[in-house]
Amino acid sequence: MEDSHSLQKLNRKLCYCGHIPVMKTSWTESNPGRRFWGCRFYGKDDACDFFDWADPTVHDRYKLVINGLLRKKNEGEKEKEKLSKTMRMYRLFFSLVVLYFVVRVVF
């Protein structure tokens, strides 16, 4: 007896170039987080234009919420990078100050 997972594989469509498509996630503003099936060779010379949504369409409110969360996440990542650069600068400055005092004491 075959399990349902292998039956799903048998029922899955093939893309136009004859391969099993792969599931990907859209992060566009109009379809944030929505999954779709696409050609496994997308972005390469031998890719076909196969495309099929795996998830149903979502309400506009969902799109607004997800896009807002993504913007906040991106802003947080930018702030984190900015703080990391500042910390590196302070560490360098502190190291130079310590080095200066060590050199003054030794010589």
N, C-alpha and C. Protein backbone atom coordinates (compact mmCIF):
# COMPACT_ATOMS: atom_id res chain seq x y z
N MET A 1 0.84 -1.19 0.00
CA MET A 1 0.00 0.00 0.00
C MET A 1 0.88 1.25 0.00
N GLU A 2 0.60 2.17 -0.87
CA GLU A 2 1.40 3.39 -0.96
C GLU A 2 0.88 4.43 0.02
N ASP A 3 1.81 5.21 0.57
CA ASP A 3 1.37 6.27 1.47
C ASP A 3 0.87 7.46 0.65
N SER A 4 0.18 8.39 1.31
CA SER A 4 -0.43 9.51 0.60
C SER A 4 0.62 10.45 0.01
N HIS A 5 1.80 10.50 0.63
CA HIS A 5 2.85 11.39 0.12
C HIS A 5 3.31 10.94 -1.26
N SER A 6 3.52 9.64 -1.45
CA SER A 6 3.95 9.16 -2.76
C SER A 6 2.82 9.29 -3.79
N LEU A 7 1.56 9.17 -3.35
CA LEU A 7 0.44 9.38 -4.26
C LEU A 7 0.39 10.84 -4.71
N GLN A 8 0.69 11.75 -3.78
CA GLN A 8 0.72 13.17 -4.14
C GLN A 8 1.76 13.41 -5.21
N LYS A 9 2.92 12.78 -5.08
CA LYS A 9 3.99 12.96 -6.07
C LYS A 9 3.53 12.48 -7.45
N LEU A 10 2.79 11.37 -7.48
CA LEU A 10 2.32 10.83 -8.76
C LEU A 10 1.29 11.75 -9.41
N ASN A 11 0.47 12.42 -8.60
CA ASN A 11 -0.58 13.29 -9.12
C ASN A 11 -0.08 14.69 -9.45
N ARG A 12 1.12 15.02 -9.06
CA ARG A 12 1.64 16.37 -9.28
C ARG A 12 1.89 16.61 -10.77
N LYS A 13 1.63 17.84 -11.20
CA LYS A 13 1.88 18.21 -12.58
C LYS A 13 3.37 18.29 -12.85
N LEU A 14 3.72 18.14 -14.10
CA LEU A 14 5.09 18.39 -14.52
C LEU A 14 5.13 19.78 -15.15
N CYS A 15 6.27 20.42 -15.05
CA CYS A 15 6.39 21.72 -15.71
C CYS A 15 6.56 21.50 -17.21
N TYR A 16 6.60 22.57 -17.96
CA TYR A 16 6.61 22.47 -19.42
C TYR A 16 7.88 21.82 -19.97
N CYS A 17 8.95 21.82 -19.17
CA CYS A 17 10.18 21.16 -19.66
C CYS A 17 10.27 19.72 -19.16
N GLY A 18 9.18 19.21 -18.53
CA GLY A 18 9.10 17.80 -18.19
C GLY A 18 9.62 17.42 -16.81
N HIS A 19 9.98 18.38 -15.98
CA HIS A 19 10.49 18.10 -14.65
C HIS A 19 9.42 18.38 -13.59
N ILE A 20 9.63 17.82 -12.40
CA ILE A 20 8.72 18.10 -11.29
C ILE A 20 9.01 19.52 -10.80
N PRO A 21 8.01 20.39 -10.76
CA PRO A 21 8.23 21.76 -10.29
C PRO A 21 8.55 21.79 -8.80
N VAL A 22 9.14 22.89 -8.36
CA VAL A 22 9.46 23.06 -6.94
C VAL A 22 8.58 24.15 -6.35
N MET A 23 8.32 24.01 -5.05
CA MET A 23 7.51 25.02 -4.37
C MET A 23 8.41 26.17 -3.94
N LYS A 24 7.95 27.37 -4.22
CA LYS A 24 8.68 28.58 -3.86
C LYS A 24 7.71 29.51 -3.16
N THR A 25 8.23 30.56 -2.57
CA THR A 25 7.40 31.53 -1.86
C THR A 25 7.58 32.90 -2.49
N SER A 26 6.46 33.54 -2.79
CA SER A 26 6.48 34.88 -3.34
C SER A 26 6.63 35.89 -2.21
N TRP A 27 7.48 36.88 -2.38
CA TRP A 27 7.61 37.96 -1.40
C TRP A 27 7.33 39.31 -2.05
N THR A 28 6.52 39.29 -3.12
CA THR A 28 6.12 40.55 -3.73
C THR A 28 5.09 41.23 -2.84
N GLU A 29 4.90 42.53 -3.04
CA GLU A 29 3.94 43.25 -2.22
C GLU A 29 2.52 42.76 -2.48
N SER A 30 2.23 42.33 -3.69
CA SER A 30 0.88 41.88 -4.01
C SER A 30 0.59 40.44 -3.57
N ASN A 31 1.63 39.66 -3.28
CA ASN A 31 1.45 38.26 -2.85
C ASN A 31 2.48 37.87 -1.79
N PRO A 32 2.53 38.58 -0.68
CA PRO A 32 3.57 38.28 0.33
C PRO A 32 3.33 36.94 1.02
N GLY A 33 4.34 36.08 0.99
CA GLY A 33 4.25 34.80 1.69
C GLY A 33 3.42 33.75 0.98
N ARG A 34 2.93 34.06 -0.20
CA ARG A 34 2.08 33.12 -0.92
C ARG A 34 2.96 32.12 -1.69
N ARG A 35 2.66 30.83 -1.51
CA ARG A 35 3.47 29.79 -2.13
C ARG A 35 2.96 29.45 -3.54
N PHE A 36 3.91 29.04 -4.37
CA PHE A 36 3.56 28.67 -5.74
C PHE A 36 4.51 27.58 -6.23
N TRP A 37 4.08 26.90 -7.28
CA TRP A 37 4.92 25.90 -7.94
C TRP A 37 5.55 26.57 -9.15
N GLY A 38 6.86 26.33 -9.33
CA GLY A 38 7.56 26.90 -10.47
C GLY A 38 8.61 25.94 -10.99
N CYS A 39 9.08 26.22 -12.18
CA CYS A 39 10.12 25.39 -12.80
C CYS A 39 11.36 25.38 -11.92
N ARG A 40 11.94 24.21 -11.75
CA ARG A 40 13.14 24.08 -10.91
C ARG A 40 14.33 24.80 -11.50
N PHE A 41 14.27 25.12 -12.78
CA PHE A 41 15.39 25.79 -13.45
C PHE A 41 15.15 27.29 -13.61
N TYR A 42 14.20 27.84 -12.85
CA TYR A 42 13.88 29.27 -12.95
C TYR A 42 15.15 30.11 -12.83
N GLY A 43 15.32 31.06 -13.74
CA GLY A 43 16.48 31.93 -13.71
C GLY A 43 17.65 31.41 -14.52
N LYS A 44 17.52 30.21 -15.07
CA LYS A 44 18.58 29.62 -15.89
C LYS A 44 18.12 29.58 -17.34
N ASP A 45 19.05 29.34 -18.23
CA ASP A 45 18.74 29.34 -19.66
C ASP A 45 17.72 28.28 -20.06
N ASP A 46 17.77 27.11 -19.43
CA ASP A 46 16.88 26.03 -19.84
C ASP A 46 15.58 25.97 -19.04
N ALA A 47 15.18 27.07 -18.43
CA ALA A 47 13.94 27.10 -17.64
C ALA A 47 12.73 27.33 -18.55
N CYS A 48 11.61 26.79 -18.14
CA CYS A 48 10.36 27.07 -18.84
C CYS A 48 9.58 28.10 -18.01
N ASP A 49 8.42 28.49 -18.47
CA ASP A 49 7.63 29.51 -17.77
C ASP A 49 6.53 28.91 -16.90
N PHE A 50 6.72 27.68 -16.43
CA PHE A 50 5.68 27.04 -15.63
C PHE A 50 5.45 27.80 -14.33
N PHE A 51 4.17 28.02 -14.00
CA PHE A 51 3.80 28.73 -12.78
C PHE A 51 2.40 28.29 -12.38
N ASP A 52 2.22 27.94 -11.09
CA ASP A 52 0.91 27.54 -10.60
C ASP A 52 0.83 27.86 -9.12
N TRP A 53 -0.15 28.65 -8.71
CA TRP A 53 -0.28 28.98 -7.29
C TRP A 53 -0.60 27.73 -6.48
N ALA A 54 0.06 27.58 -5.34
CA ALA A 54 -0.22 26.48 -4.41
C ALA A 54 -1.20 26.95 -3.34
N ASP A 55 -1.12 28.23 -2.99
CA ASP A 55 -1.99 28.81 -1.97
C ASP A 55 -3.11 29.60 -2.62
N PRO A 56 -4.27 29.65 -1.97
CA PRO A 56 -5.37 30.46 -2.51
C PRO A 56 -5.06 31.95 -2.36
N THR A 57 -5.82 32.77 -3.07
CA THR A 57 -5.66 34.22 -2.91
C THR A 57 -6.01 34.59 -1.48
N VAL A 58 -5.42 35.68 -1.02
CA VAL A 58 -5.66 36.10 0.36
C VAL A 58 -6.34 37.47 0.38
N HIS A 59 -6.94 37.78 1.50
CA HIS A 59 -7.63 39.05 1.69
C HIS A 59 -6.62 40.19 1.69
N ASP A 60 -7.06 41.36 1.23
CA ASP A 60 -6.18 42.53 1.18
C ASP A 60 -5.64 42.91 2.56
N ARG A 61 -6.43 42.69 3.60
CA ARG A 61 -5.97 43.00 4.96
C ARG A 61 -4.75 42.15 5.32
N TYR A 62 -4.76 40.90 4.93
CA TYR A 62 -3.62 40.00 5.17
C TYR A 62 -2.37 40.57 4.51
N LYS A 63 -2.51 41.03 3.26
CA LYS A 63 -1.38 41.59 2.54
C LYS A 63 -0.83 42.82 3.26
N LEU A 64 -1.73 43.68 3.74
CA LEU A 64 -1.29 44.88 4.47
C LEU A 64 -0.52 44.51 5.73
N VAL A 65 -1.03 43.54 6.48
CA VAL A 65 -0.39 43.13 7.73
C VAL A 65 0.98 42.52 7.45
N ILE A 66 1.06 41.59 6.52
CA ILE A 66 2.33 40.93 6.20
C ILE A 66 3.35 41.93 5.68
N ASN A 67 2.93 42.81 4.77
CA ASN A 67 3.86 43.81 4.24
C ASN A 67 4.34 44.76 5.33
N GLY A 68 3.45 45.12 6.26
CA GLY A 68 3.85 45.97 7.39
C GLY A 68 4.87 45.27 8.27
N LEU A 69 4.64 44.00 8.55
CA LEU A 69 5.59 43.23 9.36
C LEU A 69 6.94 43.09 8.66
N LEU A 70 6.91 42.87 7.36
CA LEU A 70 8.17 42.76 6.60
C LEU A 70 8.94 44.07 6.63
N ARG A 71 8.22 45.21 6.51
CA ARG A 71 8.90 46.51 6.58
C ARG A 71 9.55 46.71 7.93
N LYS A 72 8.82 46.37 9.00
CA LYS A 72 9.38 46.51 10.35
C LYS A 72 10.60 45.61 10.54
N LYS A 73 10.52 44.41 10.02
CA LYS A 73 11.66 43.48 10.11
C LYS A 73 12.87 44.06 9.39
N ASN A 74 12.66 44.57 8.18
CA ASN A 74 13.76 45.16 7.41
C ASN A 74 14.34 46.38 8.10
N GLU A 75 13.48 47.22 8.69
CA GLU A 75 13.96 48.38 9.43
C GLU A 75 14.79 47.94 10.63
N GLY A 76 14.34 46.90 11.32
CA GLY A 76 15.08 46.37 12.47
C GLY A 76 16.44 45.83 12.06
N GLU A 77 16.50 45.15 10.92
CA GLU A 77 17.77 44.62 10.43
C GLU A 77 18.73 45.75 10.07
N LYS A 78 18.21 46.82 9.46
CA LYS A 78 19.05 47.97 9.12
C LYS A 78 19.58 48.63 10.38
N GLU A 79 18.72 48.77 11.39
CA GLU A 79 19.14 49.38 12.66
C GLU A 79 20.20 48.51 13.34
N LYS A 80 20.01 47.21 13.30
CA LYS A 80 20.99 46.28 13.89
C LYS A 80 22.35 46.43 13.22
N GLU A 81 22.36 46.52 11.90
CA GLU A 81 23.62 46.68 11.16
C GLU A 81 24.28 48.01 11.51
N LYS A 82 23.48 49.04 11.63
CA LYS A 82 23.99 50.37 12.00
C LYS A 82 24.63 50.32 13.39
N LEU A 83 23.96 49.68 14.33
CA LEU A 83 24.50 49.56 15.69
C LEU A 83 25.76 48.69 15.72
N SER A 84 25.80 47.66 14.90
CA SER A 84 27.00 46.81 14.83
C SER A 84 28.19 47.61 14.33
N LYS A 85 27.98 48.45 13.33
CA LYS A 85 29.07 49.30 12.83
C LYS A 85 29.54 50.26 13.91
N THR A 86 28.60 50.84 14.64
CA THR A 86 28.95 51.76 15.72
C THR A 86 29.75 51.04 16.80
N MET A 87 29.34 49.83 17.15
CA MET A 87 30.06 49.07 18.17
C MET A 87 31.48 48.73 17.70
N ARG A 88 31.64 48.38 16.44
CA ARG A 88 32.99 48.11 15.92
C ARG A 88 33.86 49.36 16.01
N MET A 89 33.27 50.51 15.71
CA MET A 89 34.02 51.76 15.79
C MET A 89 34.44 52.04 17.23
N TYR A 90 33.54 51.84 18.20
CA TYR A 90 33.88 52.06 19.61
C TYR A 90 34.95 51.07 20.09
N ARG A 91 34.86 49.82 19.66
CA ARG A 91 35.88 48.83 20.04
C ARG A 91 37.25 49.23 19.50
N LEU A 92 37.29 49.68 18.27
CA LEU A 92 38.55 50.13 17.67
C LEU A 92 39.10 51.32 18.43
N PHE A 93 38.25 52.29 18.73
CA PHE A 93 38.67 53.47 19.47
C PHE A 93 39.21 53.07 20.85
N PHE A 94 38.48 52.21 21.56
CA PHE A 94 38.91 51.77 22.88
C PHE A 94 40.25 51.04 22.80
N SER A 95 40.41 50.19 21.79
CA SER A 95 41.67 49.46 21.62
C SER A 95 42.83 50.42 21.37
N LEU A 96 42.60 51.44 20.58
CA LEU A 96 43.65 52.43 20.31
C LEU A 96 44.01 53.22 21.57
N VAL A 97 43.01 53.56 22.38
CA VAL A 97 43.27 54.29 23.63
C VAL A 97 44.09 53.41 24.57
N VAL A 98 43.72 52.15 24.72
CA VAL A 98 44.46 51.23 25.58
C VAL A 98 45.89 51.07 25.06
N LEU A 99 46.04 50.90 23.76
CA LEU A 99 47.37 50.78 23.16
C LEU A 99 48.21 52.02 23.42
N TYR A 100 47.61 53.18 23.31
CA TYR A 100 48.30 54.44 23.56
C TYR A 100 48.85 54.47 25.00
N PHE A 101 48.00 54.11 25.98
CA PHE A 101 48.45 54.13 27.38
C PHE A 101 49.50 53.06 27.66
N VAL A 102 49.38 51.91 27.05
CA VAL A 102 50.39 50.85 27.22
C VAL A 102 51.73 51.33 26.67
N VAL A 103 51.73 51.93 25.51
CA VAL A 103 52.96 52.43 24.90
C VAL A 103 53.57 53.52 25.77
N ARG A 104 52.76 54.40 26.32
CA ARG A 104 53.27 55.48 27.18
C ARG A 104 53.89 54.95 28.45
N VAL A 105 53.29 53.91 29.03
CA VAL A 105 53.80 53.34 30.28
C VAL A 105 55.10 52.58 30.02
N VAL A 106 55.15 51.82 28.93
CA VAL A 106 56.32 51.00 28.62
C VAL A 106 57.51 51.87 28.20
N PHE A 107 57.29 52.87 27.42
CA PHE A 107 58.40 53.68 26.90
C PHE A 107 58.47 54.95 27.65
